[in-house]
Amino acid sequence: MENDKTLRNWLTEMNLDHPLVIAGPCSAETEEQVLHIAHQLKDSDATVMRAGIWKPRTRPGNFEGVGAIGLEWLKKAKKETGLMIATEVANKTHVDLALKADVDVLWIGARSTVSPFIVQEIADALQGTDKIVLVKNPVNPDLALWLGGVERLYAANIKNLGVIHRGFSTYEKIKYRNNPEWQIAIDLQNRFPDLPILVDPSHIAGARNLIFDICQTALDLNYDGMIVETHHTPDKAWSDAAQQITPEFLKQMTIDLRIRKKHGAGEFNEKLNVLRSKIDVIDNQIIDFLGKRMGVADEIGELKKENNVAILQPERWNNVLNKLTLKGEKNQLSKDFVERLTKAIHEESIAHQHKIISQY
């Protein structure tokens, strides 16, 4: 994509000596709260203050935001501190009100990105704007939806466009609120290499004790910054209390985070190329072995077809999963990784056998 249609130039012009930091409460609650947090963030690495004005909740009855009055509080915070301001928009009315309030950064939330209709409505309302527009990944792990949202905004001639990685919903119980699925974000970066990407550690984590490690992982993956929920009394927050950090924690975190160089030189590159060559060889072996494994799965499919036996054998599957999980631990592989890998291989085996059994 064209460089002049992304945030990359804007970030360069900012001349920051640290990653971009967008911080502020999950929700604007009161004018006093917004201003108090803004003044605390003024002395941090935060360039932009965020606050939710309209808060779409999964179930009715929960706090759903203060509405347009919150924009006036953000405008006042901007005037008093010099911070840029940001909020989420989910429809044309939100966009119109945010633009009228001179909001600097507008983001499209995960629940909106799942709907091409909503994204198109927002894109039409933002046509040609020079405001910064950020697109969160959809709630479900669907790269096409995320790409589609970006493409609709590109088509609307949005001049300053970026994305936010906030993780993906999963039915499995894991330590995160939303599974990071880092590879999906990496795939998006490969498709749009000039598109800045921020991490939303708050929504990935769901708990403040995980925030630092998620931010560090994102920086290790060459992300451009973070949008992190920050509250002066997080345990008393009206929404998402467990995942918000204090401005003091934010200040220390940005000091402790390690910023990686994008490129090495000389001897480093030589050693890196040797190690990458070794990985290439192993990767090819893995694919060859998987091909052989599927060949055996095909033979099993033929045998099951001849004997009219069902494809799925739960007892066998559970034994394989348990055995490989234990073997993975001995090889310093996390249980979560081994389970996901084994399930992916199992699904492919089932697909192979189903194709064979379905043939008449």
Protein backbone atom coordinates (compact mmCIF):
# COMPACT_ATOMS: atom_id res chain seq x y z
CA MET A 1 0.00 0.00 0.00
CA GLU A 2 1.04 3.61 -0.52
CA ASN A 3 3.05 5.06 2.32
CA ASP A 4 1.19 8.37 2.16
CA LYS A 5 -2.02 6.60 3.15
CA THR A 6 -0.90 5.19 6.46
CA LEU A 7 0.14 6.43 9.87
CA ARG A 8 3.78 5.66 9.13
CA ASN A 9 4.62 9.19 8.05
CA TRP A 10 2.73 10.64 11.00
CA LEU A 11 4.64 8.47 13.44
CA THR A 12 7.92 9.51 11.83
CA GLU A 13 7.00 13.17 12.08
CA MET A 14 6.17 12.74 15.78
CA ASN A 15 9.86 11.87 16.26
CA LEU A 16 9.09 9.85 19.39
CA ASP A 17 12.01 8.15 21.13
CA HIS A 18 9.67 5.39 22.29
CA PRO A 19 6.73 3.38 20.90
CA LEU A 20 3.41 5.20 20.52
CA VAL A 21 1.38 5.02 23.74
CA ILE A 22 -2.37 5.58 23.85
CA ALA A 23 -3.66 5.37 27.42
CA GLY A 24 -6.70 6.19 29.49
CA PRO A 25 -9.73 4.63 31.15
CA CYS A 26 -11.87 1.94 29.60
CA SER A 27 -14.82 4.28 30.12
CA ALA A 28 -15.22 7.99 30.75
CA GLU A 29 -17.16 8.01 34.02
CA THR A 30 -17.17 11.59 35.27
CA GLU A 31 -15.55 14.84 34.20
CA GLU A 32 -13.42 14.79 37.35
CA GLN A 33 -12.19 11.27 36.59
CA VAL A 34 -11.27 12.10 32.99
CA LEU A 35 -9.37 15.24 33.92
CA HIS A 36 -7.59 13.61 36.85
CA ILE A 37 -6.29 10.76 34.69
CA ALA A 38 -5.37 13.14 31.87
CA HIS A 39 -3.14 15.22 34.14
CA GLN A 40 -1.45 12.07 35.44
CA LEU A 41 -0.83 10.87 31.87
CA LYS A 42 0.60 14.22 30.85
CA ASP A 43 3.92 13.33 32.51
CA SER A 44 4.10 9.84 30.98
CA ASP A 45 5.04 8.50 27.54
CA ALA A 46 1.39 8.74 26.50
CA THR A 47 0.80 10.88 23.42
CA VAL A 48 -2.93 10.18 23.18
CA MET A 49 -5.57 9.83 25.89
CA ARG A 50 -8.28 7.27 25.21
CA ALA A 51 -11.68 6.87 26.86
CA GLY A 52 -14.78 4.93 25.88
CA ILE A 53 -17.84 7.15 25.47
CA TRP A 54 -20.18 4.59 23.97
CA LYS A 55 -19.60 1.12 25.42
CA PRO A 56 -21.33 -1.74 23.60
CA ARG A 57 -21.60 -4.57 26.11
CA THR A 58 -22.11 -8.26 25.46
CA ARG A 59 -25.24 -8.32 27.63
CA PRO A 60 -27.72 -5.53 28.46
CA GLY A 61 -27.85 -4.06 31.94
CA ASN A 62 -24.14 -3.29 32.25
CA PHE A 63 -22.74 0.24 32.08
CA GLU A 64 -22.84 1.28 28.42
CA GLY A 65 -21.09 4.63 28.55
CA VAL A 66 -21.99 8.22 29.39
CA GLY A 67 -22.62 9.18 25.77
CA ALA A 68 -21.86 12.42 23.98
CA ILE A 69 -21.31 14.42 27.19
CA GLY A 70 -18.05 12.51 27.59
CA LEU A 71 -16.71 14.16 24.45
CA GLU A 72 -16.87 17.51 26.22
CA TRP A 73 -14.77 16.08 29.05
CA LEU A 74 -12.20 14.79 26.56
CA LYS A 75 -12.06 18.18 24.82
CA LYS A 76 -11.38 19.81 28.17
CA ALA A 77 -8.66 17.26 28.97
CA LYS A 78 -7.05 17.99 25.61
CA LYS A 79 -7.11 21.74 26.24
CA GLU A 80 -5.63 21.43 29.73
CA THR A 81 -2.91 18.87 29.00
CA GLY A 82 -2.11 19.08 25.30
CA LEU A 83 -2.72 15.35 24.90
CA MET A 84 -4.45 14.13 21.76
CA ILE A 85 -7.76 12.38 22.44
CA ALA A 86 -9.26 9.12 21.20
CA THR A 87 -12.54 7.23 21.43
CA GLU A 88 -14.37 4.31 19.83
CA VAL A 89 -17.01 4.85 17.15
CA ALA A 90 -19.56 2.26 16.10
CA ASN A 91 -21.87 4.10 13.68
CA LYS A 92 -22.30 7.26 11.61
CA THR A 93 -23.77 9.23 14.52
CA HIS A 94 -20.74 8.46 16.68
CA VAL A 95 -18.42 9.53 13.87
CA ASP A 96 -20.26 12.80 13.29
CA LEU A 97 -20.21 13.69 17.00
CA ALA A 98 -16.54 12.72 17.39
CA LEU A 99 -15.49 14.78 14.37
CA LYS A 100 -17.51 17.74 15.62
CA ALA A 101 -15.68 17.44 18.97
CA ASP A 102 -12.34 17.38 17.10
CA VAL A 103 -11.37 13.96 18.41
CA ASP A 104 -7.91 13.15 17.04
CA VAL A 105 -8.05 9.34 16.96
CA LEU A 106 -11.11 7.21 16.25
CA TRP A 107 -11.03 3.44 16.53
CA ILE A 108 -13.43 0.83 15.26
CA GLY A 109 -14.05 -1.83 17.91
CA ALA A 110 -13.89 -5.60 17.60
CA ARG A 111 -17.67 -5.99 17.68
CA SER A 112 -17.99 -3.55 14.79
CA THR A 113 -15.23 -5.05 12.64
CA VAL A 114 -17.19 -8.30 12.39
CA SER A 115 -19.86 -6.51 10.33
CA PRO A 116 -18.95 -5.23 6.84
CA PHE A 117 -22.17 -3.18 6.95
CA ILE A 118 -21.04 -1.30 10.06
CA VAL A 119 -17.49 -0.81 8.78
CA GLN A 120 -18.81 0.51 5.47
CA GLU A 121 -21.12 2.95 7.25
CA ILE A 122 -18.21 4.26 9.31
CA ALA A 123 -15.94 4.40 6.27
CA ASP A 124 -18.52 6.44 4.37
CA ALA A 125 -18.86 8.84 7.30
CA LEU A 126 -15.07 9.23 7.49
CA GLN A 127 -14.52 9.58 3.74
CA GLY A 128 -11.27 11.44 3.11
CA THR A 129 -10.69 12.42 6.75
CA ASP A 130 -7.21 13.27 7.98
CA LYS A 131 -8.06 12.02 11.47
CA ILE A 132 -6.25 8.93 12.68
CA VAL A 133 -8.44 5.83 12.26
CA LEU A 134 -7.55 2.51 13.88
CA VAL A 135 -9.23 -0.82 13.17
CA LYS A 136 -9.36 -3.46 15.89
CA ASN A 137 -9.34 -7.10 14.88
CA PRO A 138 -12.78 -8.77 14.87
CA VAL A 139 -13.76 -10.73 17.97
CA ASN A 140 -13.43 -14.03 16.13
CA PRO A 141 -10.14 -15.22 14.56
CA ASP A 142 -11.05 -14.30 10.98
CA LEU A 143 -8.22 -12.60 9.10
CA ALA A 144 -10.44 -11.94 6.08
CA LEU A 145 -12.81 -9.77 8.14
CA TRP A 146 -9.92 -7.74 9.52
CA LEU A 147 -8.42 -7.32 6.06
CA GLY A 148 -11.83 -6.39 4.70
CA GLY A 149 -12.22 -3.63 7.27
CA VAL A 150 -8.83 -2.20 6.38
CA GLU A 151 -9.59 -2.36 2.66
CA ARG A 152 -12.94 -0.57 3.06
CA LEU A 153 -11.22 2.28 4.88
CA TYR A 154 -8.45 2.44 2.28
CA ALA A 155 -11.17 2.71 -0.37
CA ALA A 156 -12.67 5.65 1.57
CA ASN A 157 -9.33 7.49 1.22
CA ILE A 158 -8.58 7.48 4.93
CA LYS A 159 -5.22 9.22 5.11
CA ASN A 160 -3.98 8.06 8.53
CA LEU A 161 -4.86 4.41 9.01
CA GLY A 162 -3.60 1.81 11.47
CA VAL A 163 -4.74 -1.37 13.22
CA ILE A 164 -5.10 -2.61 16.79
CA HIS A 165 -4.48 -6.22 17.81
CA ARG A 166 -6.73 -6.98 20.79
CA GLY A 167 -6.89 -10.78 20.65
CA PHE A 168 -9.66 -13.17 19.71
CA SER A 169 -12.50 -14.83 21.55
CA THR A 170 -12.16 -18.53 22.26
CA TYR A 171 -14.47 -21.09 23.81
CA GLU A 172 -11.52 -22.74 25.52
CA LYS A 173 -10.48 -21.63 28.99
CA ILE A 174 -7.02 -20.06 28.76
CA LYS A 175 -5.05 -17.61 30.88
CA TYR A 176 -5.99 -14.71 28.63
CA ARG A 177 -9.34 -13.00 28.27
CA ASN A 178 -8.81 -13.13 24.50
CA ASN A 179 -6.35 -15.44 22.78
CA PRO A 180 -3.55 -13.35 21.21
CA GLU A 181 -3.24 -15.55 18.11
CA TRP A 182 -0.08 -13.63 17.23
CA GLN A 183 0.21 -15.33 13.85
CA ILE A 184 -2.99 -13.69 12.60
CA ALA A 185 -1.58 -10.24 13.36
CA ILE A 186 1.69 -11.23 11.69
CA ASP A 187 -0.22 -12.36 8.60
CA LEU A 188 -1.97 -8.99 8.46
CA GLN A 189 1.38 -7.21 8.75
CA ASN A 190 2.68 -9.29 5.84
CA ARG A 191 -0.28 -8.18 3.73
CA PHE A 192 0.01 -4.51 4.74
CA PRO A 193 3.68 -3.97 5.71
CA ASP A 194 3.34 -0.17 5.81
CA LEU A 195 0.34 -0.26 8.13
CA PRO A 196 1.21 0.61 11.76
CA ILE A 197 0.03 -1.92 14.33
CA LEU A 198 -0.66 -1.34 18.01
CA VAL A 199 -1.27 -3.94 20.69
CA ASP A 200 -4.22 -3.74 23.08
CA PRO A 201 -2.80 -5.69 26.04
CA SER A 202 -5.78 -4.87 28.25
CA HIS A 203 -8.30 -6.83 26.18
CA ILE A 204 -5.89 -9.65 25.44
CA ALA A 205 -5.00 -10.03 29.11
CA GLY A 206 -8.20 -9.41 31.04
CA ALA A 207 -5.91 -9.09 34.09
CA ARG A 208 -3.40 -6.37 34.81
CA ASN A 209 -0.62 -8.75 35.88
CA LEU A 210 -0.28 -9.94 32.26
CA ILE A 211 -0.09 -6.48 30.67
CA PHE A 212 3.69 -6.06 30.76
CA ASP A 213 4.53 -9.41 29.18
CA ILE A 214 2.03 -8.88 26.36
CA CYS A 215 3.46 -5.43 25.61
CA GLN A 216 6.98 -6.85 25.59
CA THR A 217 5.97 -9.62 23.19
CA ALA A 218 4.39 -7.04 20.88
CA LEU A 219 7.53 -4.91 20.89
CA ASP A 220 9.62 -8.02 20.23
CA LEU A 221 7.41 -8.53 17.15
CA ASN A 222 8.13 -4.97 15.99
CA TYR A 223 4.74 -3.44 16.86
CA ASP A 224 4.54 0.34 16.70
CA GLY A 225 2.99 0.91 20.12
CA MET A 226 0.17 0.12 22.50
CA ILE A 227 -3.29 1.23 23.55
CA VAL A 228 -3.63 0.38 27.23
CA GLU A 229 -6.48 0.96 29.66
CA THR A 230 -5.32 3.19 32.51
CA HIS A 231 -7.33 4.34 35.53
CA HIS A 232 -6.30 6.22 38.67
CA THR A 233 -8.37 3.80 40.83
CA PRO A 234 -8.76 0.74 38.59
CA ASP A 235 -10.45 -1.47 41.17
CA LYS A 236 -13.29 1.06 41.33
CA ALA A 237 -13.65 1.41 37.55
CA TRP A 238 -17.17 1.16 36.17
CA SER A 239 -16.09 -1.31 33.47
CA ASP A 240 -13.27 -3.82 32.97
CA ALA A 241 -11.73 -3.07 36.36
CA ALA A 242 -9.46 -6.13 36.45
CA GLN A 243 -7.55 -5.26 33.28
CA GLN A 244 -6.78 -1.60 33.94
CA ILE A 245 -3.48 -0.32 35.28
CA THR A 246 -2.63 2.91 37.10
CA PRO A 247 -0.77 5.81 35.45
CA GLU A 248 2.11 5.09 37.84
CA PHE A 249 2.30 1.50 36.63
CA LEU A 250 2.21 2.73 33.03
CA LYS A 251 5.12 5.09 33.64
CA GLN A 252 7.26 2.36 35.17
CA MET A 253 6.25 -0.16 32.51
CA THR A 254 7.38 2.09 29.67
CA ILE A 255 10.72 2.46 31.42
CA ASP A 256 11.14 -1.29 31.90
CA LEU A 257 10.03 -2.39 28.42
CA ARG A 258 12.93 -3.35 26.15
CA ILE A 259 12.91 -1.76 22.71
CA ARG A 260 14.45 -4.08 20.12
CA LYS A 261 16.49 -2.89 17.15
CA LYS A 262 14.85 -3.60 13.81
CA HIS A 263 18.03 -4.77 12.16
CA GLY A 264 21.45 -6.11 13.11
CA ALA A 265 24.76 -5.87 11.27
CA GLY A 266 27.94 -7.73 10.41
CA GLU A 267 28.62 -10.88 12.41
CA PHE A 268 25.10 -10.86 13.87
CA ASN A 269 23.51 -11.16 10.41
CA GLU A 270 25.88 -13.95 9.44
CA LYS A 271 25.04 -16.00 12.52
CA LEU A 272 21.32 -15.23 12.10
CA ASN A 273 21.36 -16.46 8.51
CA VAL A 274 23.03 -19.73 9.57
CA LEU A 275 20.41 -20.33 12.27
CA ARG A 276 17.57 -19.45 9.90
CA SER A 277 18.95 -21.93 7.38
CA LYS A 278 18.79 -24.62 10.04
CA ILE A 279 15.17 -23.69 10.76
CA ASP A 280 14.35 -23.87 7.03
CA VAL A 281 15.73 -27.42 6.88
CA ILE A 282 13.73 -28.49 9.95
CA ASP A 283 10.56 -26.81 8.65
CA ASN A 284 10.85 -28.76 5.39
CA GLN A 285 11.31 -31.97 7.36
CA ILE A 286 8.22 -31.20 9.43
CA ILE A 287 6.11 -30.76 6.29
CA ASP A 288 7.51 -33.96 4.79
CA PHE A 289 6.71 -35.90 7.98
CA LEU A 290 3.20 -34.44 8.11
CA GLY A 291 2.69 -35.54 4.52
CA LYS A 292 3.77 -39.05 5.44
CA ARG A 293 1.47 -38.99 8.48
CA MET A 294 -1.49 -38.04 6.30
CA GLY A 295 -0.58 -40.90 3.99
CA VAL A 296 -1.00 -43.28 6.93
CA ALA A 297 -4.26 -41.52 7.85
CA ASP A 298 -5.46 -42.24 4.30
CA GLU A 299 -4.68 -45.94 4.79
CA ILE A 300 -6.65 -45.89 8.05
CA GLY A 301 -9.52 -44.23 6.22
CA GLU A 302 -9.54 -47.01 3.62
CA LEU A 303 -9.53 -49.63 6.37
CA LYS A 304 -12.41 -47.94 8.23
CA LYS A 305 -14.37 -47.67 5.01
CA GLU A 306 -13.94 -51.38 4.24
CA ASN A 307 -15.14 -52.28 7.74
CA ASN A 308 -17.84 -49.58 8.04
CA VAL A 309 -16.19 -48.05 11.14
CA ALA A 310 -16.76 -44.47 12.30
CA ILE A 311 -13.96 -41.96 11.68
CA LEU A 312 -13.73 -40.46 15.16
CA GLN A 313 -12.47 -42.74 17.92
CA PRO A 314 -12.56 -40.56 21.08
CA GLU A 315 -10.61 -42.94 23.30
CA ARG A 316 -7.76 -43.19 20.79
CA TRP A 317 -7.78 -39.39 20.30
CA ASN A 318 -7.56 -38.70 24.04
CA ASN A 319 -4.70 -41.16 24.44
CA VAL A 320 -2.75 -39.52 21.61
CA LEU A 321 -3.35 -36.03 22.97
CA ASN A 322 -2.26 -36.95 26.50
CA LYS A 323 0.83 -38.79 25.28
CA LEU A 324 1.98 -35.95 23.02
CA THR A 325 1.30 -33.33 25.69
CA LEU A 326 3.61 -35.16 28.10
CA LYS A 327 6.25 -35.58 25.40
CA GLY A 328 5.94 -31.90 24.56
CA GLU A 329 6.64 -30.91 28.15
CA LYS A 330 9.83 -32.99 28.09
CA ASN A 331 10.87 -31.03 24.99
CA GLN A 332 10.10 -27.67 26.62
CA LEU A 333 6.94 -27.14 24.55
CA SER A 334 3.98 -25.54 26.29
CA LYS A 335 0.86 -27.61 26.84
CA ASP A 336 -1.23 -25.03 25.00
CA PHE A 337 1.00 -25.18 21.92
CA VAL A 338 1.08 -28.98 21.79
CA GLU A 339 -2.71 -29.17 22.17
CA ARG A 340 -3.31 -26.66 19.38
CA LEU A 341 -0.81 -28.35 17.08
CA THR A 342 -2.15 -31.84 17.79
CA LYS A 343 -5.74 -30.71 17.25
CA ALA A 344 -4.81 -29.13 13.92
CA ILE A 345 -3.13 -32.33 12.77
CA HIS A 346 -6.10 -34.38 14.00
CA GLU A 347 -8.56 -32.18 12.10
CA GLU A 348 -6.55 -32.63 8.90
CA SER A 349 -6.47 -36.41 9.45
CA ILE A 350 -10.24 -36.47 9.93
CA ALA A 351 -10.68 -34.44 6.74
CA HIS A 352 -8.53 -36.95 4.82
CA GLN A 353 -10.46 -39.92 6.18
CA HIS A 354 -13.83 -38.27 5.60
CA LYS A 355 -12.94 -37.66 1.96
CA ILE A 356 -12.07 -41.35 1.54
CA ILE A 357 -15.12 -42.70 3.37
CA SER A 358 -17.43 -40.38 1.43
CA GLN A 359 -16.28 -41.81 -1.89
CA TYR A 360 -18.53 -44.47 -3.35
